[in-house]
PDB file of N, CA and C in Angstrom:
ATOM      1  N   UNK A   1       0.843  -1.218  -0.150  1.00  0.00           N
ATOM      2  CA  UNK A   1       0.032  -0.375   0.061  1.00  0.00           C
ATOM      3  C   UNK A   1       0.337   1.056  -0.369  1.00  0.00           C
ATOM      4  N   UNK A   2       0.602   1.650  -0.772  1.00  0.00           N
ATOM      5  CA  UNK A   2       1.316   3.134  -1.310  1.00  0.00           C
ATOM      6  C   UNK A   2       1.854   4.180   0.064  1.00  0.00           C
ATOM      7  N   UNK A   3       0.457   4.064   1.153  1.00  0.00           N
ATOM      8  CA  UNK A   3       0.429   5.089   1.678  1.00  0.00           C
ATOM      9  C   UNK A   3       1.554   4.943   3.284  1.00  0.00           C
ATOM     10  N   UNK A   4       1.346   2.883   2.796  1.00  0.00           N
ATOM     11  CA  UNK A   4       2.432   3.373   4.428  1.00  0.00           C
ATOM     12  C   UNK A   4       4.371   2.395   3.355  1.00  0.00           C
ATOM     13  N   UNK A   5       4.655   2.507   2.706  1.00  0.00           N
ATOM     14  CA  UNK A   5       6.494   3.057   1.658  1.00  0.00           C
ATOM     15  C   UNK A   5       6.547   4.030   2.585  1.00  0.00           C
ATOM     16  N   UNK A   6       8.219   3.218   2.438  1.00  0.00           N
ATOM     17  CA  UNK A   6       8.504   4.352   3.374  1.00  0.00           C
ATOM     18  C   UNK A   6       9.329   5.170   2.196  1.00  0.00           C
ATOM     19  N   UNK A   7      10.246   6.108   2.720  1.00  0.00           N
ATOM     20  CA  UNK A   7      10.775   7.185   1.225  1.00  0.00           C
ATOM     21  C   UNK A   7      11.551   6.215   0.493  1.00  0.00           C
ATOM     22  N   UNK A   8      12.607   5.408   0.347  1.00  0.00           N
ATOM     23  CA  UNK A   8      13.334   4.289   0.017  1.00  0.00           C
ATOM     24  C   UNK A   8      11.910   3.468  -1.263  1.00  0.00           C
ATOM     25  N   UNK A   9      10.987   3.203  -0.707  1.00  0.00           N
ATOM     26  CA  UNK A   9      10.797   2.032  -1.620  1.00  0.00           C
ATOM     27  C   UNK A   9       9.645   3.010  -2.553  1.00  0.00           C
ATOM     28  N   UNK A  10       9.403   4.571  -1.984  1.00  0.00           N
ATOM     29  CA  UNK A  10       8.806   5.209  -3.235  1.00  0.00           C
ATOM     30  C   UNK A  10       9.577   6.254  -4.355  1.00  0.00           C
ATOM     31  N   UNK A  11      11.021   6.020  -3.446  1.00  0.00           N
ATOM     32  CA  UNK A  11      11.908   6.243  -4.555  1.00  0.00           C
ATOM     33  C   UNK A  11      11.992   4.470  -5.335  1.00  0.00           C
ATOM     34  N   UNK A  12      12.547   3.861  -4.887  1.00  0.00           N
ATOM     35  CA  UNK A  12      12.577   2.180  -5.598  1.00  0.00           C
ATOM     36  C   UNK A  12      11.152   2.287  -7.025  1.00  0.00           C
ATOM     37  N   UNK A  13       9.848   2.323  -6.197  1.00  0.00           N
ATOM     38  CA  UNK A  13       8.482   2.230  -6.736  1.00  0.00           C
ATOM     39  C   UNK A  13       9.241   3.773  -8.420  1.00  0.00           C
ATOM     40  N   UNK A  14       9.403   4.771  -8.413  1.00  0.00           N
ATOM     41  CA  UNK A  14       9.360   5.925  -8.949  1.00  0.00           C
ATOM     42  C   UNK A  14      10.975   5.856  -9.999  1.00  0.00           C
ATOM     43  N   UNK A  15      11.416   4.694  -9.989  1.00  0.00           N
ATOM     44  CA  UNK A  15      12.497   4.671 -10.874  1.00  0.00           C
ATOM     45  C   UNK A  15      11.652   3.253 -11.500  1.00  0.00           C
ATOM     46  N   UNK A  16      10.770   2.273 -11.105  1.00  0.00           N
ATOM     47  CA  UNK A  16      11.117   1.206 -12.145  1.00  0.00           C
ATOM     48  C   UNK A  16       9.725   2.100 -12.940  1.00  0.00           C
ATOM     49  N   UNK A  17       8.828   2.606 -12.554  1.00  0.00           N
ATOM     50  CA  UNK A  17       8.227   4.112 -13.648  1.00  0.00           C
ATOM     51  C   UNK A  17       8.460   4.191 -14.389  1.00  0.00           C
ATOM     52  N   UNK A  18       9.603   4.815 -13.834  1.00  0.00           N
ATOM     53  CA  UNK A  18      10.776   5.668 -14.806  1.00  0.00           C
ATOM     54  C   UNK A  18      11.038   4.776 -16.290  1.00  0.00           C
ATOM     55  N   UNK A  19      11.547   3.284 -15.799  1.00  0.00           N
ATOM     56  CA  UNK A  19      11.855   3.206 -16.279  1.00  0.00           C
ATOM     57  C   UNK A  19      11.341   2.475 -17.474  1.00  0.00           C
ATOM     58  N   UNK A  20       9.202   1.826 -16.938  1.00  0.00           N
ATOM     59  CA  UNK A  20       8.696   1.185 -17.921  1.00  0.00           C
ATOM     60  C   UNK A  20       8.455   2.926 -18.485  1.00  0.00           C
ATOM     61  N   UNK A  21       8.586   4.320 -18.672  1.00  0.00           N
ATOM     62  CA  UNK A  21       8.012   5.402 -19.353  1.00  0.00           C
ATOM     63  C   UNK A  21       8.975   5.006 -19.916  1.00  0.00           C
ATOM     64  N   UNK A  22      10.473   5.169 -19.757  1.00  0.00           N
ATOM     65  CA  UNK A  22      11.496   5.158 -20.962  1.00  0.00           C
ATOM     66  C   UNK A  22      11.781   4.473 -21.892  1.00  0.00           C
ATOM     67  N   UNK A  23      11.362   3.562 -21.526  1.00  0.00           N
ATOM     68  CA  UNK A  23      11.315   2.222 -22.484  1.00  0.00           C
ATOM     69  C   UNK A  23       9.978   2.431 -23.963  1.00  0.00           C
ATOM     70  N   UNK A  24       8.847   3.229 -22.935  1.00  0.00           N
ATOM     71  CA  UNK A  24       6.901   2.854 -23.591  1.00  0.00           C
ATOM     72  C   UNK A  24       6.611   1.569 -23.670  1.00  0.00           C
ATOM     73  N   UNK A  25       7.098   1.258 -23.047  1.00  0.00           N
ATOM     74  CA  UNK A  25       6.533  -0.152 -22.241  1.00  0.00           C
ATOM     75  C   UNK A  25       4.618   0.643 -22.084  1.00  0.00           C
ATOM     76  N   UNK A  26       4.648   1.600 -20.434  1.00  0.00           N
ATOM     77  CA  UNK A  26       2.853   2.358 -20.083  1.00  0.00           C
ATOM     78  C   UNK A  26       3.587   3.551 -21.108  1.00  0.00           C
ATOM     79  N   UNK A  27       2.233   3.814 -21.338  1.00  0.00           N
ATOM     80  CA  UNK A  27       1.279   5.177 -22.251  1.00  0.00           C
ATOM     81  C   UNK A  27       0.232   5.249 -22.338  1.00  0.00           C
ATOM     82  N   UNK A  28      -0.333   6.494 -21.708  1.00  0.00           N
ATOM     83  CA  UNK A  28      -1.458   6.408 -21.805  1.00  0.00           C
ATOM     84  C   UNK A  28      -2.468   6.114 -22.821  1.00  0.00           C
ATOM     85  N   UNK A  29      -3.570   6.262 -22.862  1.00  0.00           N
ATOM     86  CA  UNK A  29      -4.561   5.634 -22.996  1.00  0.00           C
ATOM     87  C   UNK A  29      -5.106   7.401 -24.088  1.00  0.00           C
ATOM     88  N   UNK A  30      -4.822   8.293 -24.058  1.00  0.00           N
ATOM     89  CA  UNK A  30      -5.063   9.386 -24.918  1.00  0.00           C
ATOM     90  C   UNK A  30      -4.530  10.263 -24.396  1.00  0.00           C
ATOM     91  N   UNK A  31      -4.075  11.504 -25.234  1.00  0.00           N
ATOM     92  CA  UNK A  31      -3.325  12.740 -24.491  1.00  0.00           C
ATOM     93  C   UNK A  31      -4.101  14.065 -25.000  1.00  0.00           C
ATOM     94  N   UNK A  32      -3.866  15.172 -23.680  1.00  0.00           N
ATOM     95  CA  UNK A  32      -5.578  15.699 -23.903  1.00  0.00           C
ATOM     96  C   UNK A  32      -4.429  16.767 -23.925  1.00  0.00           C
ATOM     97  N   UNK A  33      -4.496  17.567 -25.018  1.00  0.00           N
ATOM     98  CA  UNK A  33      -4.117  19.183 -24.664  1.00  0.00           C
ATOM     99  C   UNK A  33      -4.707  19.788 -24.853  1.00  0.00           C
ATOM    100  N   UNK A  34      -4.393  21.142 -23.925  1.00  0.00           N
ATOM    101  CA  UNK A  34      -5.172  22.109 -23.672  1.00  0.00           C
ATOM    102  C   UNK A  34      -4.762  23.391 -22.904  1.00  0.00           C
ATOM    103  N   UNK A  35      -5.072  24.772 -23.750  1.00  0.00           N
ATOM    104  CA  UNK A  35      -3.771  25.794 -24.184  1.00  0.00           C
ATOM    105  C   UNK A  35      -4.025  25.787 -22.372  1.00  0.00           C
ATOM    106  N   UNK A  36      -2.330  27.187 -22.135  1.00  0.00           N
ATOM    107  CA  UNK A  36      -1.841  27.747 -20.586  1.00  0.00           C
ATOM    108  C   UNK A  36      -3.583  28.188 -19.983  1.00  0.00           C
ATOM    109  N   UNK A  37      -4.639  28.713 -20.835  1.00  0.00           N
ATOM    110  CA  UNK A  37      -5.628  29.305 -20.340  1.00  0.00           C
ATOM    111  C   UNK A  37      -6.639  28.465 -19.846  1.00  0.00           C
ATOM    112  N   UNK A  38      -6.271  27.108 -20.128  1.00  0.00           N
ATOM    113  CA  UNK A  38      -7.532  26.169 -19.129  1.00  0.00           C
ATOM    114  C   UNK A  38      -6.534  24.977 -18.682  1.00  0.00           C
ATOM    115  N   UNK A  39      -5.925  26.121 -17.808  1.00  0.00           N
ATOM    116  CA  UNK A  39      -4.998  25.023 -16.350  1.00  0.00           C
ATOM    117  C   UNK A  39      -6.364  24.983 -15.527  1.00  0.00           C
ATOM    118  N   UNK A  40      -7.414  26.362 -14.634  1.00  0.00           N
ATOM    119  CA  UNK A  40      -8.014  25.649 -13.498  1.00  0.00           C
ATOM    120  C   UNK A  40      -9.118  24.228 -14.722  1.00  0.00           C
ATOM    121  N   UNK A  41      -9.456  24.209 -15.990  1.00  0.00           N
ATOM    122  CA  UNK A  41     -10.369  23.016 -16.427  1.00  0.00           C
ATOM    123  C   UNK A  41      -9.943  22.143 -16.554  1.00  0.00           C
ATOM    124  N   UNK A  42      -8.275  21.327 -16.824  1.00  0.00           N
ATOM    125  CA  UNK A  42      -7.698  20.523 -16.489  1.00  0.00           C
ATOM    126  C   UNK A  42      -7.407  20.423 -15.065  1.00  0.00           C
ATOM    127  N   UNK A  43      -7.240  21.099 -14.780  1.00  0.00           N
ATOM    128  CA  UNK A  43      -8.064  20.406 -12.376  1.00  0.00           C
ATOM    129  C   UNK A  43      -8.785  19.693 -12.326  1.00  0.00           C
ATOM    130  N   UNK A  44     -10.180  21.038 -12.964  1.00  0.00           N
ATOM    131  CA  UNK A  44     -12.678  20.078 -12.604  1.00  0.00           C
ATOM    132  C   UNK A  44     -11.570  18.692 -12.905  1.00  0.00           C
ATOM    133  N   UNK A  45     -10.871  18.999 -13.933  1.00  0.00           N
ATOM    134  CA  UNK A  45     -11.197  17.272 -15.021  1.00  0.00           C
ATOM    135  C   UNK A  45     -10.414  16.213 -14.219  1.00  0.00           C
ATOM    136  N   UNK A  46      -9.409  17.017 -13.550  1.00  0.00           N
ATOM    137  CA  UNK A  46      -8.264  15.856 -12.822  1.00  0.00           C
ATOM    138  C   UNK A  46      -9.689  15.399 -11.436  1.00  0.00           C
ATOM    139  N   UNK A  47      -9.913  16.512 -10.728  1.00  0.00           N
ATOM    140  CA  UNK A  47     -10.572  16.757  -9.725  1.00  0.00           C
ATOM    141  C   UNK A  47     -12.371  15.075 -10.335  1.00  0.00           C
ATOM    142  N   UNK A  48     -12.839  15.333 -11.199  1.00  0.00           N
ATOM    143  CA  UNK A  48     -14.177  14.656 -11.314  1.00  0.00           C
ATOM    144  C   UNK A  48     -13.533  13.521 -12.218  1.00  0.00           C
ATOM    145  N   UNK A  49     -12.211  13.379 -11.839  1.00  0.00           N
ATOM    146  CA  UNK A  49     -12.139  11.850 -12.563  1.00  0.00           C
ATOM    147  C   UNK A  49     -11.950  11.372 -13.189  1.00  0.00           C
ATOM    148  N   UNK A  50     -12.408  12.620 -15.164  1.00  0.00           N
ATOM    149  CA  UNK A  50     -12.016  12.659 -16.137  1.00  0.00           C
ATOM    150  C   UNK A  50     -11.178  12.073 -16.594  1.00  0.00           C
ATOM    151  N   UNK A  51      -9.950  12.011 -16.194  1.00  0.00           N
ATOM    152  CA  UNK A  51      -8.575  11.635 -16.725  1.00  0.00           C
ATOM    153  C   UNK A  51      -7.826  10.676 -16.800  1.00  0.00           C
ATOM    154  N   UNK A  52      -8.605   9.464 -16.195  1.00  0.00           N
ATOM    155  CA  UNK A  52      -7.621   8.600 -16.026  1.00  0.00           C
ATOM    156  C   UNK A  52      -6.651   8.074 -16.660  1.00  0.00           C
ATOM    157  N   UNK A  53      -5.819   7.789 -16.782  1.00  0.00           N
ATOM    158  CA  UNK A  53      -5.104   6.699 -17.996  1.00  0.00           C
ATOM    159  C   UNK A  53      -5.367   7.795 -19.299  1.00  0.00           C
ATOM    160  N   UNK A  54      -5.067   9.204 -18.773  1.00  0.00           N
ATOM    161  CA  UNK A  54      -4.914  10.466 -20.257  1.00  0.00           C
ATOM    162  C   UNK A  54      -3.378  10.976 -19.273  1.00  0.00           C
ATOM    163  N   UNK A  55      -2.863  11.803 -20.130  1.00  0.00           N
ATOM    164  CA  UNK A  55      -2.372  12.169 -20.005  1.00  0.00           C
ATOM    165  C   UNK A  55      -2.721  14.602 -20.361  1.00  0.00           C
ATOM    166  N   UNK A  56      -2.289  15.204 -19.828  1.00  0.00           N
ATOM    167  CA  UNK A  56      -2.332  16.477 -20.164  1.00  0.00           C
ATOM    168  C   UNK A  56      -1.732  17.154 -19.923  1.00  0.00           C
ATOM    169  N   UNK A  57      -1.496  17.761 -21.756  1.00  0.00           N
ATOM    170  CA  UNK A  57      -0.501  18.676 -21.918  1.00  0.00           C
ATOM    171  C   UNK A  57      -1.027  19.565 -22.008  1.00  0.00           C
ATOM    172  N   UNK A  58      -0.685  20.978 -21.078  1.00  0.00           N
ATOM    173  CA  UNK A  58      -1.152  22.370 -21.175  1.00  0.00           C
ATOM    174  C   UNK A  58       0.216  23.084 -22.225  1.00  0.00           C
ATOM    175  N   UNK A  59      -0.502  23.866 -23.001  1.00  0.00           N
ATOM    176  CA  UNK A  59       0.645  24.242 -24.376  1.00  0.00           C
ATOM    177  C   UNK A  59       0.447  25.685 -24.239  1.00  0.00           C
ATOM    178  N   UNK A  60       1.265  26.811 -24.217  1.00  0.00           N
ATOM    179  CA  UNK A  60       1.190  28.594 -24.105  1.00  0.00           C
ATOM    180  C   UNK A  60       0.336  28.794 -25.246  1.00  0.00           C
TER     181      UNK A  60
END
């Protein structure tokens, strides 16, 4: 359970996730691209659970 993990366990898990990402073995189902002016909406989408499995890119 992540809430009971030690700092070193979290660091180890983060390293494993980063290696998977770098190898292209983990990818979002969808990428949502929003303008910088929509940062508030992106946050609301996150709170509503609408971004599960998605990556949000905020562009200038």
